[in-house]
């Protein structure tokens, strides 16, 4: 029975759901055994990563996995600045945003800092980033910098300084968006202080 489950798993790589495994003929008991052996890594309820040497997790695996756990989650603040290329140092804690009504659990294999937003400002500036292993949502760079300033007390000081310095060095036309977000998020004075 174990060999059958392992053989079925051979045809898969990356992320896989329980429904997909069951449809392939792998039982719940076999899924649990494969996870206990380390052939499957549990991401969240109903989702796994197929552990194979030939297939390594992507750079954005934390963002992808948070969005697998909660499809409405949006990567924000310092984490969005990292994934969007403003900084090259990955934050130790992933920052994710959800609407205040979204109370889905985010029990991940890595630390996550969750921010709750009112519905009116949560819907602003989402973008979807597609990867070979799945997609994730992130706020755009200008919104993320505003969020960093807004949440500066919970962000590592070194990372905060990197983000502010890197954003100051950018010379593009999107700065108008930064000021619009600052007004909408009620952090205009703080943004003016840092930028």
Protein backbone atom coordinates (compact mmCIF):
# COMPACT_ATOMS: atom_id res chain seq x y z
CA UNK A 1 0.00 0.00 0.00
CA UNK A 2 2.86 2.39 0.86
CA UNK A 3 4.56 1.66 -2.49
CA UNK A 4 1.31 2.45 -4.29
CA UNK A 5 1.04 5.83 -2.52
CA UNK A 6 4.72 6.64 -3.23
CA UNK A 7 4.28 5.68 -6.89
CA UNK A 8 1.26 7.96 -7.17
CA UNK A 9 3.24 10.79 -5.56
CA UNK A 10 6.05 10.42 -8.12
CA UNK A 11 3.94 12.03 -10.83
CA UNK A 12 3.42 15.21 -8.78
CA UNK A 13 5.69 18.07 -7.80
CA UNK A 14 5.18 21.38 -6.04
CA UNK A 15 2.02 22.11 -4.10
CA UNK A 16 -0.84 19.65 -4.04
CA UNK A 17 -4.21 19.52 -2.31
CA UNK A 18 -5.82 16.68 -0.42
CA UNK A 19 -8.63 16.58 -3.00
CA UNK A 20 -6.12 16.04 -5.79
CA UNK A 21 -4.39 13.25 -3.86
CA UNK A 22 -7.69 11.55 -3.06
CA UNK A 23 -8.73 11.79 -6.70
CA UNK A 24 -5.43 10.08 -7.65
CA UNK A 25 -6.34 7.18 -5.34
CA UNK A 26 -4.22 8.06 -2.30
CA UNK A 27 -6.20 7.59 0.94
CA UNK A 28 -6.30 9.95 3.92
CA UNK A 29 -4.37 7.38 5.92
CA UNK A 30 -1.66 7.20 3.24
CA UNK A 31 -1.49 11.01 3.09
CA UNK A 32 -0.89 11.08 6.86
CA UNK A 33 1.81 8.39 6.53
CA UNK A 34 3.53 10.25 3.67
CA UNK A 35 3.50 13.44 5.75
CA UNK A 36 4.91 11.59 8.79
CA UNK A 37 7.74 10.22 6.59
CA UNK A 38 8.51 13.69 5.23
CA UNK A 39 7.53 12.92 1.64
CA UNK A 40 4.73 15.45 2.01
CA UNK A 41 5.11 18.68 4.00
CA UNK A 42 1.85 20.00 5.41
CA UNK A 43 1.38 23.65 4.45
CA UNK A 44 -2.06 24.17 5.96
CA UNK A 45 -5.33 22.25 6.20
CA UNK A 46 -5.75 20.39 2.92
CA UNK A 47 -2.52 21.54 1.23
CA UNK A 48 0.92 19.95 1.00
CA UNK A 49 4.31 20.41 -0.64
CA UNK A 50 5.68 17.32 -2.39
CA UNK A 51 9.25 16.92 -1.10
CA UNK A 52 11.56 15.94 -3.95
CA UNK A 53 15.24 16.65 -4.36
CA UNK A 54 14.70 17.70 -7.95
CA UNK A 55 12.08 20.29 -6.97
CA UNK A 56 13.03 22.99 -4.50
CA UNK A 57 10.63 25.53 -3.06
CA UNK A 58 10.65 28.87 -4.88
CA UNK A 59 12.03 32.08 -3.39
CA UNK A 60 8.46 33.30 -2.81
CA UNK A 61 7.29 30.14 -1.07
CA UNK A 62 6.21 31.97 2.10
CA UNK A 63 4.01 34.38 0.15
CA UNK A 64 2.53 31.54 -1.91
CA UNK A 65 1.85 29.41 1.17
CA UNK A 66 0.13 32.22 3.08
CA UNK A 67 -2.13 32.79 0.08
CA UNK A 68 -2.83 29.04 -0.16
CA UNK A 69 -3.81 29.13 3.52
CA UNK A 70 -5.96 32.25 3.07
CA UNK A 71 -6.66 33.10 -0.59
CA UNK A 72 -7.83 36.58 0.40
CA UNK A 73 -4.55 37.44 2.19
CA UNK A 74 -2.30 40.10 0.67
CA UNK A 75 1.45 40.35 1.26
CA UNK A 76 2.15 43.81 2.65
CA UNK A 77 4.61 46.23 4.23
CA UNK A 78 8.25 45.05 4.50
CA UNK A 79 7.52 41.64 2.94
CA UNK A 80 5.93 43.24 -0.12
CA UNK A 81 8.96 45.54 -0.42
CA UNK A 82 11.17 42.44 -0.46
CA UNK A 83 9.10 40.46 -2.97
CA UNK A 84 8.71 43.51 -5.24
CA UNK A 85 12.48 44.02 -5.30
CA UNK A 86 12.84 47.26 -3.34
CA UNK A 87 15.12 45.54 -0.79
CA UNK A 88 17.17 42.37 -1.04
CA UNK A 89 17.01 41.36 2.64
CA UNK A 90 14.10 39.07 3.44
CA UNK A 91 12.22 39.99 6.63
CA UNK A 92 12.40 37.34 9.36
CA UNK A 93 8.61 37.57 9.79
CA UNK A 94 6.25 37.59 6.81
CA UNK A 95 3.78 40.50 6.83
CA UNK A 96 0.29 39.69 5.54
CA UNK A 97 -2.87 41.75 5.44
CA UNK A 98 -6.48 40.67 5.58
CA UNK A 99 -9.76 42.49 5.94
CA UNK A 100 -11.06 42.83 9.48
CA UNK A 101 -13.85 40.36 8.74
CA UNK A 102 -11.39 37.65 7.64
CA UNK A 103 -10.62 35.52 10.70
CA UNK A 104 -9.18 32.50 8.88
CA UNK A 105 -6.34 30.88 10.83
CA UNK A 106 -2.80 31.38 9.53
CA UNK A 107 -0.86 28.58 11.19
CA UNK A 108 2.23 28.45 9.01
CA UNK A 109 5.63 26.73 9.31
CA UNK A 110 7.24 30.18 9.59
CA UNK A 111 6.39 33.34 11.56
CA UNK A 112 3.65 35.58 10.15
CA UNK A 113 2.65 39.04 11.33
CA UNK A 114 -0.96 39.74 10.41
CA UNK A 115 -2.42 43.19 9.88
CA UNK A 116 -6.16 43.79 9.75
CA UNK A 117 -7.56 46.53 7.52
CA UNK A 118 -11.03 47.99 7.15
CA UNK A 119 -12.71 46.87 3.94
CA UNK A 120 -12.51 50.35 2.38
CA UNK A 121 -8.69 50.52 2.47
CA UNK A 122 -8.02 46.79 2.16
CA UNK A 123 -9.25 46.68 -1.45
CA UNK A 124 -6.74 49.31 -2.61
CA UNK A 125 -3.78 48.43 -4.84
CA UNK A 126 -3.76 44.64 -4.99
CA UNK A 127 -1.72 42.96 -7.65
CA UNK A 128 -1.37 39.28 -8.39
CA UNK A 129 2.10 37.81 -8.83
CA UNK A 130 2.09 34.54 -10.79
CA UNK A 131 4.85 31.96 -10.32
CA UNK A 132 5.41 28.44 -11.63
CA UNK A 133 4.17 27.10 -8.27
CA UNK A 134 1.12 29.28 -7.74
CA UNK A 135 0.24 32.91 -7.31
CA UNK A 136 0.02 35.35 -4.45
CA UNK A 137 -1.39 38.81 -3.91
CA UNK A 138 0.64 41.79 -2.82
CA UNK A 139 0.01 45.47 -2.36
CA UNK A 140 1.91 47.67 -4.81
CA UNK A 141 5.21 49.24 -3.80
CA UNK A 142 3.91 52.71 -2.94
CA UNK A 143 1.15 51.32 -0.74
CA UNK A 144 3.66 48.96 0.91
CA UNK A 145 6.05 51.80 1.76
CA UNK A 146 3.13 53.70 3.34
CA UNK A 147 2.28 50.59 5.35
CA UNK A 148 5.92 50.31 6.49
CA UNK A 149 5.78 53.86 7.81
CA UNK A 150 2.40 53.19 9.40
CA UNK A 151 3.64 49.99 11.11
CA UNK A 152 7.23 51.11 11.72
CA UNK A 153 7.14 50.08 15.40
CA UNK A 154 6.56 46.44 14.45
CA UNK A 155 9.14 46.36 11.63
CA UNK A 156 12.82 45.68 12.22
CA UNK A 157 14.63 49.06 12.41
CA UNK A 158 17.38 47.95 10.03
CA UNK A 159 14.82 46.85 7.41
CA UNK A 160 12.77 50.01 7.89
CA UNK A 161 15.84 52.17 7.21
CA UNK A 162 16.70 50.07 4.13
CA UNK A 163 13.18 50.50 2.76
CA UNK A 164 13.11 54.26 3.30
CA UNK A 165 16.60 54.74 1.78
CA UNK A 166 15.80 52.52 -1.22
CA UNK A 167 12.51 54.30 -1.86
CA UNK A 168 14.19 57.72 -1.66
CA UNK A 169 16.70 56.61 -4.29
CA UNK A 170 13.96 55.65 -6.75
CA UNK A 171 13.22 58.36 -9.25
CA UNK A 172 9.92 57.51 -10.86
CA UNK A 173 6.52 58.98 -11.54
CA UNK A 174 4.71 56.76 -9.05
CA UNK A 175 5.48 59.03 -6.11
CA UNK A 176 2.09 60.73 -6.59
CA UNK A 177 0.49 57.41 -5.68
CA UNK A 178 2.49 57.32 -2.45
CA UNK A 179 1.00 60.65 -1.36
CA UNK A 180 -2.51 59.53 -2.33
CA UNK A 181 -2.12 56.38 -0.22
CA UNK A 182 -0.66 58.41 2.65
CA UNK A 183 -3.76 60.61 2.69
CA UNK A 184 -6.15 57.68 2.48
CA UNK A 185 -4.31 55.74 5.22
CA UNK A 186 -4.09 58.86 7.43
CA UNK A 187 -0.27 58.83 7.61
CA UNK A 188 0.51 61.93 5.54
CA UNK A 189 2.50 63.66 8.31
CA UNK A 190 4.55 60.53 9.02
CA UNK A 191 5.27 59.96 5.32
CA UNK A 192 6.39 63.58 4.94
CA UNK A 193 8.67 63.13 7.95
CA UNK A 194 10.47 60.12 6.44
CA UNK A 195 10.30 60.94 2.73
